[in-house]
Amino acid sequence: MAELAGTWIYRRFNPEFATGNLTPQEDALTLAGADGDVVLTLREGPAPPRQPGGAVVEGTVEGTIEWPGGGLNLNGTVTLRERVGERPGYVGDSRTFFEMVGTGRPGTDTDGWEYRYHGHLTRDWQNQGSNQRPFLVGSVMRQKAHNGRPGRWAGQVFSFIAIAKELPPKFSLWGLGMVSWSYRSFHNEPQYPYLTTYPTAHSLVLEESVFKLKTPTSTTLEGTIEWPSRGLDQPILALDIRSSEIMPANETGDGISRAKRWHGQPPRFTFAGVGRPGTETDGWEYRFDGQLTRTWPLPAGAPANVPRLPALVGTVIREKAHGDSPAGAVCPFIAVWKQ
């Protein structure tokens, strides 16, 4: 999976979506939802008949994305690859993916707008997470320019995170419906370091670091996660990547092959970041689970140089406590490709 190899600028986000105290850099990073005022509401279509373990279940989803003074109507599809005995849409190989088209409303400021969304419901860390709540992560492309407004080009790609305001009901097959989500989309900014001050517990961005990834085989990752220490005269901090797995999108085989499992989705990955003995990170351990964002086709008439950087999106859990940081904290992340 060569598309996962390279240097990625990683940002771990506050799962509470801090509002009202954003730094100028955090505010500039946010495309929509900086004030916590963008709400995504989804409704699932009728649930299809349940399938045997290993099957792919498909359905429909519709809803709205609203902000003060405007909004889009959403329609799309949702796909679940489910295993018997697992909570739908969450654990292990059970995954919920969705793709939607957001269209503007005639006679309003969004008339003629069109956006395309692709993402997934993040992993349930099997009761390990101390503050765990569902997240939606993925990418969004502006399919049509905003009626000639400068800087709002067709074809531009962003990353998004949506945090559930309440837990989905148990009768929700895919885990998406009957729930309101606090939505934010972000510019895929590859500058590092981007923030000018060290993140705090009240920041939107809790951490910036660098993923340096290699793919020695088509199903494994190796490399490091690196960031500067608080002291300028101190060596960099680093975690080594261990226990990795890549789930490619396009393998062939029987009903439980990865092609069936991920149903044409971009590759997914999981790995551990483990501290180095004898260094400040000795004893640290984090686990990451995520997916490469979709490669969107360039819309007709879009500028060839419109920003379209890929990203890795998912969640991370702190497996072991260190210092004042407790084990079990779960956060969403975005890592933007740099080179």
C-alpha atoms as a PDB file:
ATOM      1  CA  MET A   1       0.000   0.000   0.000  1.00  0.00           C
ATOM      2  CA  ALA A   2       2.474   2.592  -1.254  1.00  0.00           C
ATOM      3  CA  GLU A   3      -0.137   5.355  -0.916  1.00  0.00           C
ATOM      4  CA  LEU A   4       0.243   5.166   2.884  1.00  0.00           C
ATOM      5  CA  ALA A   5       4.024   5.629   2.809  1.00  0.00           C
ATOM      6  CA  GLY A   6       5.530   9.072   3.325  1.00  0.00           C
ATOM      7  CA  THR A   7       5.499  11.949   5.799  1.00  0.00           C
ATOM      8  CA  TRP A   8       2.151  12.984   7.270  1.00  0.00           C
ATOM      9  CA  ILE A   9       1.448  15.975   9.520  1.00  0.00           C
ATOM     10  CA  TYR A  10      -0.609  14.574  12.378  1.00  0.00           C
ATOM     11  CA  ARG A  11      -3.047  16.516  14.569  1.00  0.00           C
ATOM     12  CA  ARG A  12      -4.959  15.016  17.477  1.00  0.00           C
ATOM     13  CA  PHE A  13      -8.197  16.884  18.225  1.00  0.00           C
ATOM     14  CA  ASN A  14      -9.995  17.604  21.464  1.00  0.00           C
ATOM     15  CA  PRO A  15     -12.933  15.146  21.712  1.00  0.00           C
ATOM     16  CA  GLU A  16     -14.974  17.864  23.421  1.00  0.00           C
ATOM     17  CA  PHE A  17     -14.534  20.162  20.390  1.00  0.00           C
ATOM     18  CA  ALA A  18     -13.419  23.177  22.446  1.00  0.00           C
ATOM     19  CA  THR A  19     -15.152  26.357  21.303  1.00  0.00           C
ATOM     20  CA  GLY A  20     -14.788  30.026  22.104  1.00  0.00           C
ATOM     21  CA  ASN A  21     -11.065  29.890  22.870  1.00  0.00           C
ATOM     22  CA  LEU A  22      -9.524  28.999  19.515  1.00  0.00           C
ATOM     23  CA  THR A  23      -6.130  30.439  18.734  1.00  0.00           C
ATOM     24  CA  PRO A  24      -5.861  32.371  15.433  1.00  0.00           C
ATOM     25  CA  GLN A  25      -4.075  29.347  13.958  1.00  0.00           C
ATOM     26  CA  GLU A  26      -6.824  26.926  15.017  1.00  0.00           C
ATOM     27  CA  ASP A  27      -9.486  29.284  13.714  1.00  0.00           C
ATOM     28  CA  ALA A  28      -7.727  29.554  10.341  1.00  0.00           C
ATOM     29  CA  LEU A  29      -7.405  25.759  10.163  1.00  0.00           C
ATOM     30  CA  THR A  30     -11.187  25.341  10.523  1.00  0.00           C
ATOM     31  CA  LEU A  31     -13.284  25.697   7.380  1.00  0.00           C
ATOM     32  CA  ALA A  32     -16.711  25.201   8.962  1.00  0.00           C
ATOM     33  CA  GLY A  33     -17.908  24.907  12.551  1.00  0.00           C
ATOM     34  CA  ALA A  34     -15.313  27.009  14.371  1.00  0.00           C
ATOM     35  CA  ASP A  35     -18.010  28.245  16.765  1.00  0.00           C
ATOM     36  CA  GLY A  36     -19.623  24.838  17.188  1.00  0.00           C
ATOM     37  CA  ASP A  37     -22.611  26.032  15.189  1.00  0.00           C
ATOM     38  CA  VAL A  38     -22.686  23.438  12.375  1.00  0.00           C
ATOM     39  CA  VAL A  39     -25.008  20.519  13.112  1.00  0.00           C
ATOM     40  CA  LEU A  40     -25.218  17.335  11.068  1.00  0.00           C
ATOM     41  CA  THR A  41     -28.456  15.355  11.439  1.00  0.00           C
ATOM     42  CA  LEU A  42     -28.847  11.975   9.726  1.00  0.00           C
ATOM     43  CA  ARG A  43     -31.782   9.608   9.278  1.00  0.00           C
ATOM     44  CA  GLU A  44     -31.301   6.029   8.183  1.00  0.00           C
ATOM     45  CA  GLY A  45     -33.528   4.444   5.553  1.00  0.00           C
ATOM     46  CA  PRO A  46     -35.393   1.218   6.268  1.00  0.00           C
ATOM     47  CA  ALA A  47     -33.080  -1.538   7.487  1.00  0.00           C
ATOM     48  CA  PRO A  48     -32.648  -4.334   4.917  1.00  0.00           C
ATOM     49  CA  PRO A  49     -32.985  -8.001   5.964  1.00  0.00           C
ATOM     50  CA  ARG A  50     -30.132  -9.087   8.223  1.00  0.00           C
ATOM     51  CA  GLN A  51     -27.468 -11.128   6.452  1.00  0.00           C
ATOM     52  CA  PRO A  52     -25.286 -14.048   7.558  1.00  0.00           C
ATOM     53  CA  GLY A  53     -21.969 -13.196   9.237  1.00  0.00           C
ATOM     54  CA  GLY A  54     -19.425 -11.780   6.804  1.00  0.00           C
ATOM     55  CA  ALA A  55     -22.018 -10.212   4.534  1.00  0.00           C
ATOM     56  CA  VAL A  56     -22.144  -6.632   3.316  1.00  0.00           C
ATOM     57  CA  VAL A  57     -25.309  -4.741   4.203  1.00  0.00           C
ATOM     58  CA  GLU A  58     -26.276  -1.646   2.211  1.00  0.00           C
ATOM     59  CA  GLY A  59     -28.868   1.011   2.827  1.00  0.00           C
ATOM     60  CA  THR A  60     -29.683   4.679   2.483  1.00  0.00           C
ATOM     61  CA  VAL A  61     -29.146   7.757   4.599  1.00  0.00           C
ATOM     62  CA  GLU A  62     -30.555  11.276   4.369  1.00  0.00           C
ATOM     63  CA  GLY A  63     -30.511  14.395   6.488  1.00  0.00           C
ATOM     64  CA  THR A  64     -29.245  17.948   6.735  1.00  0.00           C
ATOM     65  CA  ILE A  65     -26.194  19.938   7.643  1.00  0.00           C
ATOM     66  CA  GLU A  66     -27.236  23.243   9.209  1.00  0.00           C
ATOM     67  CA  TRP A  67     -25.529  26.456  10.316  1.00  0.00           C
ATOM     68  CA  PRO A  68     -26.941  29.866  11.237  1.00  0.00           C
ATOM     69  CA  GLY A  69     -28.396  31.319   8.068  1.00  0.00           C
ATOM     70  CA  GLY A  70     -28.042  28.307   5.800  1.00  0.00           C
ATOM     71  CA  GLY A  71     -27.754  24.604   5.205  1.00  0.00           C
ATOM     72  CA  LEU A  72     -27.581  21.721   2.762  1.00  0.00           C
ATOM     73  CA  ASN A  73     -29.852  18.724   2.204  1.00  0.00           C
ATOM     74  CA  LEU A  74     -28.074  15.358   2.304  1.00  0.00           C
ATOM     75  CA  ASN A  75     -28.797  12.088   0.517  1.00  0.00           C
ATOM     76  CA  GLY A  76     -26.592   9.054   0.152  1.00  0.00           C
ATOM     77  CA  THR A  77     -25.782   5.451   0.881  1.00  0.00           C
ATOM     78  CA  VAL A  78     -24.426   3.595   3.889  1.00  0.00           C
ATOM     79  CA  THR A  79     -22.554   0.298   3.866  1.00  0.00           C
ATOM     80  CA  LEU A  80     -21.997  -2.065   6.780  1.00  0.00           C
ATOM     81  CA  ARG A  81     -19.776  -5.101   6.753  1.00  0.00           C
ATOM     82  CA  GLU A  82     -20.940  -6.952   9.856  1.00  0.00           C
ATOM     83  CA  ARG A  83     -19.847  -9.983  11.834  1.00  0.00           C
ATOM     84  CA  VAL A  84     -22.250 -11.969  13.972  1.00  0.00           C
ATOM     85  CA  GLY A  85     -21.998 -11.204  17.678  1.00  0.00           C
ATOM     86  CA  GLU A  86     -20.479  -7.748  17.303  1.00  0.00           C
ATOM     87  CA  ARG A  87     -22.184  -4.452  17.976  1.00  0.00           C
ATOM     88  CA  PRO A  88     -23.162  -3.200  14.488  1.00  0.00           C
ATOM     89  CA  GLY A  89     -20.892  -0.598  13.005  1.00  0.00           C
ATOM     90  CA  TYR A  90     -18.243  -0.553  15.709  1.00  0.00           C
ATOM     91  CA  VAL A  91     -16.006  -3.371  16.858  1.00  0.00           C
ATOM     92  CA  GLY A  92     -13.339  -5.290  14.974  1.00  0.00           C
ATOM     93  CA  ASP A  93     -14.259  -5.912  11.346  1.00  0.00           C
ATOM     94  CA  SER A  94     -17.734  -4.405  11.649  1.00  0.00           C
ATOM     95  CA  ARG A  95     -17.479  -1.050   9.885  1.00  0.00           C
ATOM     96  CA  THR A  96     -19.977   1.559   8.774  1.00  0.00           C
ATOM     97  CA  PHE A  97     -19.049   3.606   5.700  1.00  0.00           C
ATOM     98  CA  PHE A  98     -21.140   6.318   4.106  1.00  0.00           C
ATOM     99  CA  GLU A  99     -21.116   8.587   1.090  1.00  0.00           C
ATOM    100  CA  MET A 100     -23.491  11.491   0.628  1.00  0.00           C
ATOM    101  CA  VAL A 101     -24.229  14.405  -1.670  1.00  0.00           C
ATOM    102  CA  GLY A 102     -25.077  17.725  -0.044  1.00  0.00           C
ATOM    103  CA  THR A 103     -27.120  20.114  -2.218  1.00  0.00           C
ATOM    104  CA  GLY A 104     -28.027  23.747  -1.651  1.00  0.00           C
ATOM    105  CA  ARG A 105     -31.557  24.961  -1.170  1.00  0.00           C
ATOM    106  CA  PRO A 106     -33.327  26.866  -3.949  1.00  0.00           C
ATOM    107  CA  GLY A 107     -33.985  30.505  -3.130  1.00  0.00           C
ATOM    108  CA  THR A 108     -31.374  30.607  -0.337  1.00  0.00           C
ATOM    109  CA  ASP A 109     -27.708  31.599  -0.151  1.00  0.00           C
ATOM    110  CA  THR A 110     -26.734  27.957  -0.782  1.00  0.00           C
ATOM    111  CA  ASP A 111     -28.698  27.702  -4.031  1.00  0.00           C
ATOM    112  CA  GLY A 112     -26.502  25.872  -6.555  1.00  0.00           C
ATOM    113  CA  TRP A 113     -24.004  24.547  -4.003  1.00  0.00           C
ATOM    114  CA  GLU A 114     -22.980  20.882  -4.082  1.00  0.00           C
ATOM    115  CA  TYR A 115     -20.615  18.964  -1.791  1.00  0.00           C
ATOM    116  CA  ARG A 116     -19.692  15.278  -1.697  1.00  0.00           C
ATOM    117  CA  TYR A 117     -18.894  13.456   1.545  1.00  0.00           C
ATOM    118  CA  HIS A 118     -17.192  10.134   2.194  1.00  0.00           C
ATOM    119  CA  GLY A 119     -16.344   8.768   5.619  1.00  0.00           C
ATOM    120  CA  HIS A 120     -16.792   6.150   8.291  1.00  0.00           C
ATOM    121  CA  LEU A 121     -18.014   5.682  11.824  1.00  0.00           C
ATOM    122  CA  THR A 122     -14.945   5.299  14.018  1.00  0.00           C
ATOM    123  CA  ARG A 123     -14.006   2.225  15.975  1.00  0.00           C
ATOM    124  CA  ASP A 124     -15.432   1.325  19.345  1.00  0.00           C
ATOM    125  CA  TRP A 125     -12.370   0.516  21.457  1.00  0.00           C
ATOM    126  CA  GLN A 126     -14.260  -2.313  23.207  1.00  0.00           C
ATOM    127  CA  ASN A 127     -14.906  -0.491  26.475  1.00  0.00           C
ATOM    128  CA  GLN A 128     -11.264   0.562  26.797  1.00  0.00           C
ATOM    129  CA  GLY A 129     -12.016   4.235  26.170  1.00  0.00           C
ATOM    130  CA  SER A 130     -12.650   6.323  29.291  1.00  0.00           C
ATOM    131  CA  ASN A 131     -14.334   9.199  27.434  1.00  0.00           C
ATOM    132  CA  GLN A 132     -15.403   7.323  24.349  1.00  0.00           C
ATOM    133  CA  ARG A 133     -18.115   8.646  22.078  1.00  0.00           C
ATOM    134  CA  PRO A 134     -18.886   8.027  18.410  1.00  0.00           C
ATOM    135  CA  PHE A 135     -17.122  10.090  15.729  1.00  0.00           C
ATOM    136  CA  LEU A 136     -17.609  10.400  11.982  1.00  0.00           C
ATOM    137  CA  VAL A 137     -14.408  11.132  10.055  1.00  0.00           C
ATOM    138  CA  GLY A 138     -13.664  11.473   6.368  1.00  0.00           C
ATOM    139  CA  SER A 139     -13.256  13.915   3.520  1.00  0.00           C
ATOM    140  CA  VAL A 140     -15.514  16.350   1.694  1.00  0.00           C
ATOM    141  CA  MET A 141     -15.102  17.797  -1.797  1.00  0.00           C
ATOM    142  CA  ARG A 142     -16.698  20.947  -3.162  1.00  0.00           C
ATOM    143  CA  GLN A 143     -18.301  19.591  -6.333  1.00  0.00           C
ATOM    144  CA  LYS A 144     -19.427  22.971  -7.667  1.00  0.00           C
ATOM    145  CA  ALA A 145     -17.993  26.455  -7.248  1.00  0.00           C
ATOM    146  CA  HIS A 146     -20.026  28.836  -5.101  1.00  0.00           C
ATOM    147  CA  ASN A 147     -21.720  30.804  -7.833  1.00  0.00           C
ATOM    148  CA  GLY A 148     -18.468  32.434  -8.911  1.00  0.00           C
ATOM    149  CA  ARG A 149     -17.350  33.503  -5.431  1.00  0.00           C
ATOM    150  CA  PRO A 150     -13.524  33.863  -5.378  1.00  0.00           C
ATOM    151  CA  GLY A 151     -11.622  31.217  -3.434  1.00  0.00           C
ATOM    152  CA  ARG A 152     -14.544  28.773  -3.391  1.00  0.00           C
ATOM    153  CA  TRP A 153     -13.270  26.577  -6.219  1.00  0.00           C
ATOM    154  CA  ALA A 154     -14.818  23.333  -7.342  1.00  0.00           C
ATOM    155  CA  GLY A 155     -12.646  20.307  -6.619  1.00  0.00           C
ATOM    156  CA  GLN A 156     -11.154  21.507  -3.320  1.00  0.00           C
ATOM    157  CA  VAL A 157     -10.893  18.722  -0.728  1.00  0.00           C
ATOM    158  CA  PHE A 158     -11.094  19.061   3.063  1.00  0.00           C
ATOM    159  CA  SER A 159     -11.156  16.682   6.035  1.00  0.00           C
ATOM    160  CA  PHE A 160     -13.962  16.549   8.584  1.00  0.00           C
ATOM    161  CA  ILE A 161     -14.744  15.296  12.087  1.00  0.00           C
ATOM    162  CA  ALA A 162     -18.264  15.040  13.525  1.00  0.00           C
ATOM    163  CA  ILE A 163     -18.848  14.245  17.197  1.00  0.00           C
ATOM    164  CA  ALA A 164     -22.104  12.680  18.413  1.00  0.00           C
ATOM    165  CA  LYS A 165     -24.044  14.917  20.767  1.00  0.00           C
ATOM    166  CA  GLU A 166     -25.634  11.796  22.245  1.00  0.00           C
ATOM    167  CA  LEU A 167     -25.228   8.052  21.787  1.00  0.00           C
ATOM    168  CA  PRO A 168     -27.028   6.466  18.811  1.00  0.00           C
ATOM    169  CA  PRO A 169     -30.106   4.437  19.795  1.00  0.00           C
ATOM    170  CA  LYS A 170     -29.693   0.681  20.045  1.00  0.00           C
ATOM    171  CA  PHE A 171     -32.102   0.120  17.158  1.00  0.00           C
ATOM    172  CA  SER A 172     -29.894   2.135  14.808  1.00  0.00           C
ATOM    173  CA  LEU A 173     -28.435  -0.484  12.451  1.00  0.00           C
ATOM    174  CA  TRP A 174     -25.540   1.592  11.177  1.00  0.00           C
ATOM    175  CA  GLY A 175     -25.071   3.828  14.200  1.00  0.00           C
ATOM    176  CA  LEU A 176     -25.710   7.017  12.198  1.00  0.00           C
ATOM    177  CA  GLY A 177     -29.406   7.776  12.418  1.00  0.00           C
ATOM    178  CA  MET A 178     -31.580   9.667  14.890  1.00  0.00           C
ATOM    179  CA  VAL A 179     -28.507  11.486  16.191  1.00  0.00           C
ATOM    180  CA  SER A 180     -27.226  15.042  15.929  1.00  0.00           C
ATOM    181  CA  TRP A 181     -23.520  15.486  15.298  1.00  0.00           C
ATOM    182  CA  SER A 182     -21.382  18.559  15.966  1.00  0.00           C
ATOM    183  CA  TYR A 183     -19.533  18.963  12.655  1.00  0.00           C
ATOM    184  CA  ARG A 184     -16.263  20.651  11.734  1.00  0.00           C
ATOM    185  CA  SER A 185     -14.321  20.584   8.493  1.00  0.00           C
ATOM    186  CA  PHE A 186     -10.658  21.518   8.231  1.00  0.00           C
ATOM    187  CA  HIS A 187      -8.205  22.733   5.638  1.00  0.00           C
ATOM    188  CA  ASN A 188      -5.648  20.053   4.820  1.00  0.00           C
ATOM    189  CA  GLU A 189      -2.754  22.210   6.049  1.00  0.00           C
ATOM    190  CA  PRO A 190       0.602  20.368   5.752  1.00  0.00           C
ATOM    191  CA  GLN A 191       2.722  23.016   7.506  1.00  0.00           C
ATOM    192  CA  TYR A 192       4.648  21.781  10.556  1.00  0.00           C
ATOM    193  CA  PRO A 193       4.685  23.076  13.135  1.00  0.00           C
ATOM    194  CA  TYR A 194       1.512  24.937  12.290  1.00  0.00           C
ATOM    195  CA  LEU A 195       0.630  26.073  15.796  1.00  0.00           C
ATOM    196  CA  THR A 196       2.752  28.865  17.261  1.00  0.00           C
ATOM    197  CA  THR A 197       2.150  27.893  20.907  1.00  0.00           C
ATOM    198  CA  TYR A 198       2.332  24.517  22.619  1.00  0.00           C
ATOM    199  CA  PRO A 199      -1.151  22.876  22.818  1.00  0.00           C
ATOM    200  CA  THR A 200      -2.929  22.721  26.173  1.00  0.00           C
ATOM    201  CA  ALA A 201      -5.755  20.570  27.510  1.00  0.00           C
ATOM    202  CA  HIS A 202      -8.199  23.325  26.485  1.00  0.00           C
ATOM    203  CA  SER A 203      -6.985  23.591  22.888  1.00  0.00           C
ATOM    204  CA  LEU A 204      -8.866  22.319  19.863  1.00  0.00           C
ATOM    205  CA  VAL A 205      -5.650  20.719  18.581  1.00  0.00           C
ATOM    206  CA  LEU A 206      -4.166  18.729  21.475  1.00  0.00           C
ATOM    207  CA  GLU A 207      -1.024  17.582  19.684  1.00  0.00           C
ATOM    208  CA  GLU A 208       0.981  18.110  16.498  1.00  0.00           C
ATOM    209  CA  SER A 209       3.529  15.543  15.398  1.00  0.00           C
ATOM    210  CA  VAL A 210       4.919  13.862  12.291  1.00  0.00           C
ATOM    211  CA  PHE A 211       4.109  10.378  11.009  1.00  0.00           C
ATOM    212  CA  LYS A 212       7.017   8.906   9.027  1.00  0.00           C
ATOM    213  CA  LEU A 213       5.536   5.793   7.458  1.00  0.00           C
ATOM    214  CA  LYS A 214       6.955   2.999   5.319  1.00  0.00           C
ATOM    215  CA  THR A 215       5.149   0.012   3.812  1.00  0.00           C
ATOM    216  CA  PRO A 216       7.580  -2.932   3.784  1.00  0.00           C
ATOM    217  CA  THR A 217       4.744  -5.181   2.600  1.00  0.00           C
ATOM    218  CA  SER A 218       1.265  -4.614   1.224  1.00  0.00           C
ATOM    219  CA  THR A 219      -0.280  -5.372   4.621  1.00  0.00           C
ATOM    220  CA  THR A 220       2.153  -3.834   7.146  1.00  0.00           C
ATOM    221  CA  LEU A 221       3.418  -0.418   8.207  1.00  0.00           C
ATOM    222  CA  GLU A 222       6.576   0.617   9.990  1.00  0.00           C
ATOM    223  CA  GLY A 223       8.138   3.935  10.926  1.00  0.00           C
ATOM    224  CA  THR A 224       8.024   6.535  13.673  1.00  0.00           C
ATOM    225  CA  ILE A 225       5.885   9.260  15.231  1.00  0.00           C
ATOM    226  CA  GLU A 226       8.048  12.257  16.140  1.00  0.00           C
ATOM    227  CA  TRP A 227       7.571  15.646  17.788  1.00  0.00           C
ATOM    228  CA  PRO A 228       9.776  18.153  19.621  1.00  0.00           C
ATOM    229  CA  SER A 229      10.093  18.000  23.391  1.00  0.00           C
ATOM    230  CA  ARG A 230       9.030  20.985  25.474  1.00  0.00           C
ATOM    231  CA  GLY A 231      12.664  21.955  25.994  1.00  0.00           C
ATOM    232  CA  LEU A 232      14.295  23.403  22.893  1.00  0.00           C
ATOM    233  CA  ASP A 233      17.644  21.901  23.891  1.00  0.00           C
ATOM    234  CA  GLN A 234      16.162  18.409  24.337  1.00  0.00           C
ATOM    235  CA  PRO A 235      16.103  15.645  21.721  1.00  0.00           C
ATOM    236  CA  ILE A 236      12.930  14.908  19.805  1.00  0.00           C
ATOM    237  CA  LEU A 237      10.330  12.605  21.316  1.00  0.00           C
ATOM    238  CA  ALA A 238       9.504   9.504  19.325  1.00  0.00           C
ATOM    239  CA  LEU A 239       7.271   6.445  19.252  1.00  0.00           C
ATOM    240  CA  ASP A 240       8.074   3.433  17.095  1.00  0.00           C
ATOM    241  CA  ILE A 241       5.286   1.865  15.052  1.00  0.00           C
ATOM    242  CA  ARG A 242       4.527  -1.740  15.983  1.00  0.00           C
ATOM    243  CA  SER A 243       1.761  -4.348  15.537  1.00  0.00           C
ATOM    244  CA  SER A 244       0.543  -2.834  12.299  1.00  0.00           C
ATOM    245  CA  GLU A 245      -1.957  -4.072   9.751  1.00  0.00           C
ATOM    246  CA  ILE A 246      -3.186  -2.589   6.479  1.00  0.00           C
ATOM    247  CA  MET A 247      -6.542  -3.707   5.125  1.00  0.00           C
ATOM    248  CA  PRO A 248      -6.295  -3.132   1.347  1.00  0.00           C
ATOM    249  CA  ALA A 249      -9.409  -2.243  -0.582  1.00  0.00           C
ATOM    250  CA  ASN A 250      -9.001  -4.395  -3.660  1.00  0.00           C
ATOM    251  CA  GLU A 251      -8.118  -7.975  -2.799  1.00  0.00           C
ATOM    252  CA  THR A 252     -10.064 -10.815  -4.365  1.00  0.00           C
ATOM    253  CA  GLY A 253     -11.339 -13.994  -2.851  1.00  0.00           C
ATOM    254  CA  ASP A 254     -14.349 -15.470  -1.137  1.00  0.00           C
ATOM    255  CA  GLY A 255     -17.097 -13.869   0.939  1.00  0.00           C
ATOM    256  CA  ILE A 256     -14.775 -12.860   3.780  1.00  0.00           C
ATOM    257  CA  SER A 257     -11.991 -11.420   1.630  1.00  0.00           C
ATOM    258  CA  ARG A 258     -10.889  -7.868   2.263  1.00  0.00           C
ATOM    259  CA  ALA A 259     -12.508  -6.798  -0.995  1.00  0.00           C
ATOM    260  CA  LYS A 260     -15.817  -7.937   0.440  1.00  0.00           C
ATOM    261  CA  ARG A 261     -14.903  -6.689   3.894  1.00  0.00           C
ATOM    262  CA  TRP A 262     -14.229  -3.111   2.850  1.00  0.00           C
ATOM    263  CA  HIS A 263     -16.482  -3.092  -0.215  1.00  0.00           C
ATOM    264  CA  GLY A 264     -14.266  -0.929  -2.430  1.00  0.00           C
ATOM    265  CA  GLN A 265     -13.325   1.517   0.332  1.00  0.00           C
ATOM    266  CA  PRO A 266      -9.886   3.153   0.568  1.00  0.00           C
ATOM    267  CA  PRO A 267      -7.343   1.160   2.605  1.00  0.00           C
ATOM    268  CA  ARG A 268      -7.696   1.052   6.377  1.00  0.00           C
ATOM    269  CA  PHE A 269      -4.924   0.607   8.904  1.00  0.00           C
ATOM    270  CA  THR A 270      -4.237  -0.057  12.546  1.00  0.00           C
ATOM    271  CA  PHE A 271      -0.976   0.184  14.457  1.00  0.00           C
ATOM    272  CA  ALA A 272       0.550   0.822  17.878  1.00  0.00           C
ATOM    273  CA  GLY A 273       2.919   3.656  18.737  1.00  0.00           C
ATOM    274  CA  VAL A 274       5.334   2.398  21.408  1.00  0.00           C
ATOM    275  CA  GLY A 275       7.796   4.500  23.443  1.00  0.00           C
ATOM    276  CA  ARG A 276      11.537   3.953  23.372  1.00  0.00           C
ATOM    277  CA  PRO A 277      13.336   2.469  26.404  1.00  0.00           C
ATOM    278  CA  GLY A 278      15.644   4.902  28.168  1.00  0.00           C
ATOM    279  CA  THR A 279      13.920   7.980  26.708  1.00  0.00           C
ATOM    280  CA  GLU A 280      11.148  10.279  27.880  1.00  0.00           C
ATOM    281  CA  THR A 281       8.615   8.120  26.040  1.00  0.00           C
ATOM    282  CA  ASP A 282       9.645   4.894  27.809  1.00  0.00           C
ATOM    283  CA  GLY A 283       6.454   3.012  28.712  1.00  0.00           C
ATOM    284  CA  TRP A 284       4.152   5.034  26.463  1.00  0.00           C
ATOM    285  CA  GLU A 285       1.734   3.193  24.197  1.00  0.00           C
ATOM    286  CA  TYR A 286      -0.979   4.472  21.845  1.00  0.00           C
ATOM    287  CA  ARG A 287      -3.130   2.598  19.339  1.00  0.00           C
ATOM    288  CA  PHE A 288      -4.322   4.112  16.077  1.00  0.00           C
ATOM    289  CA  ASP A 289      -7.167   3.015  13.816  1.00  0.00           C
ATOM    290  CA  GLY A 290      -8.061   4.856  10.620  1.00  0.00           C
ATOM    291  CA  GLN A 291      -8.444   5.086   6.886  1.00  0.00           C
ATOM    292  CA  LEU A 292      -6.918   6.898   3.940  1.00  0.00           C
ATOM    293  CA  THR A 293      -9.328   9.490   2.555  1.00  0.00           C
ATOM    294  CA  ARG A 294     -10.926   8.958  -0.817  1.00  0.00           C
ATOM    295  CA  THR A 295      -9.234   9.999  -4.056  1.00  0.00           C
ATOM    296  CA  TRP A 296     -11.937  12.258  -5.483  1.00  0.00           C
ATOM    297  CA  PRO A 297     -12.273  12.686  -9.271  1.00  0.00           C
ATOM    298  CA  LEU A 298     -11.666  16.281 -10.333  1.00  0.00           C
ATOM    299  CA  PRO A 299     -14.992  17.927 -11.321  1.00  0.00           C
ATOM    300  CA  ALA A 300     -15.361  19.348 -14.798  1.00  0.00           C
ATOM    301  CA  GLY A 301     -14.116  22.926 -14.962  1.00  0.00           C
ATOM    302  CA  ALA A 302     -12.206  22.752 -11.658  1.00  0.00           C
ATOM    303  CA  PRO A 303      -8.700  24.329 -11.589  1.00  0.00           C
ATOM    304  CA  ALA A 304      -5.962  21.733 -12.047  1.00  0.00           C
ATOM    305  CA  ASN A 305      -4.031  23.115  -9.058  1.00  0.00           C
ATOM    306  CA  VAL A 306      -6.934  23.207  -6.583  1.00  0.00           C
ATOM    307  CA  PRO A 307      -5.833  21.915  -3.106  1.00  0.00           C
ATOM    308  CA  ARG A 308      -6.541  18.173  -2.947  1.00  0.00           C
ATOM    309  CA  LEU A 309      -4.065  16.689  -0.451  1.00  0.00           C
ATOM    310  CA  PRO A 310      -4.877  13.211   0.909  1.00  0.00           C
ATOM    311  CA  ALA A 311      -5.194  12.606   4.631  1.00  0.00           C
ATOM    312  CA  LEU A 312      -5.379   9.816   7.168  1.00  0.00           C
ATOM    313  CA  VAL A 313      -8.421  10.045   9.464  1.00  0.00           C
ATOM    314  CA  GLY A 314      -9.438   7.985  12.474  1.00  0.00           C
ATOM    315  CA  THR A 315      -9.140   7.714  16.255  1.00  0.00           C
ATOM    316  CA  VAL A 316      -6.331   7.100  18.730  1.00  0.00           C
ATOM    317  CA  ILE A 317      -6.490   5.650  22.252  1.00  0.00           C
ATOM    318  CA  ARG A 318      -3.897   6.046  24.995  1.00  0.00           C
ATOM    319  CA  GLU A 319      -3.300   2.428  26.055  1.00  0.00           C
ATOM    320  CA  LYS A 320      -1.035   3.184  29.029  1.00  0.00           C
ATOM    321  CA  ALA A 321      -1.013   6.087  31.451  1.00  0.00           C
ATOM    322  CA  HIS A 322       2.041   8.329  31.605  1.00  0.00           C
ATOM    323  CA  GLY A 323       2.599  11.360  33.803  1.00  0.00           C
ATOM    324  CA  ASP A 324      -0.731  13.113  34.358  1.00  0.00           C
ATOM    325  CA  SER A 325      -2.245  11.528  31.226  1.00  0.00           C
ATOM    326  CA  PRO A 326      -4.673   8.680  32.066  1.00  0.00           C
ATOM    327  CA  ALA A 327      -5.072   5.522  30.034  1.00  0.00           C
ATOM    328  CA  GLY A 328      -8.177   5.119  27.916  1.00  0.00           C
ATOM    329  CA  ALA A 329      -8.526   8.630  26.464  1.00  0.00           C
ATOM    330  CA  VAL A 330      -9.871   8.476  22.888  1.00  0.00           C
ATOM    331  CA  CYS A 331      -9.469  11.318  20.379  1.00  0.00           C
ATOM    332  CA  PRO A 332     -10.097  11.799  16.637  1.00  0.00           C
ATOM    333  CA  PHE A 333      -7.157  12.655  14.398  1.00  0.00           C
ATOM    334  CA  ILE A 334      -6.315  13.985  10.946  1.00  0.00           C
ATOM    335  CA  ALA A 335      -2.884  13.477   9.375  1.00  0.00           C
ATOM    336  CA  VAL A 336      -2.249  15.456   6.161  1.00  0.00           C
ATOM    337  CA  TRP A 337       0.198  14.181   3.537  1.00  0.00           C
ATOM    338  CA  LYS A 338       3.330  16.322   3.237  1.00  0.00           C
ATOM    339  CA  GLN A 339       5.679  14.320   0.996  1.00  0.00           C
END
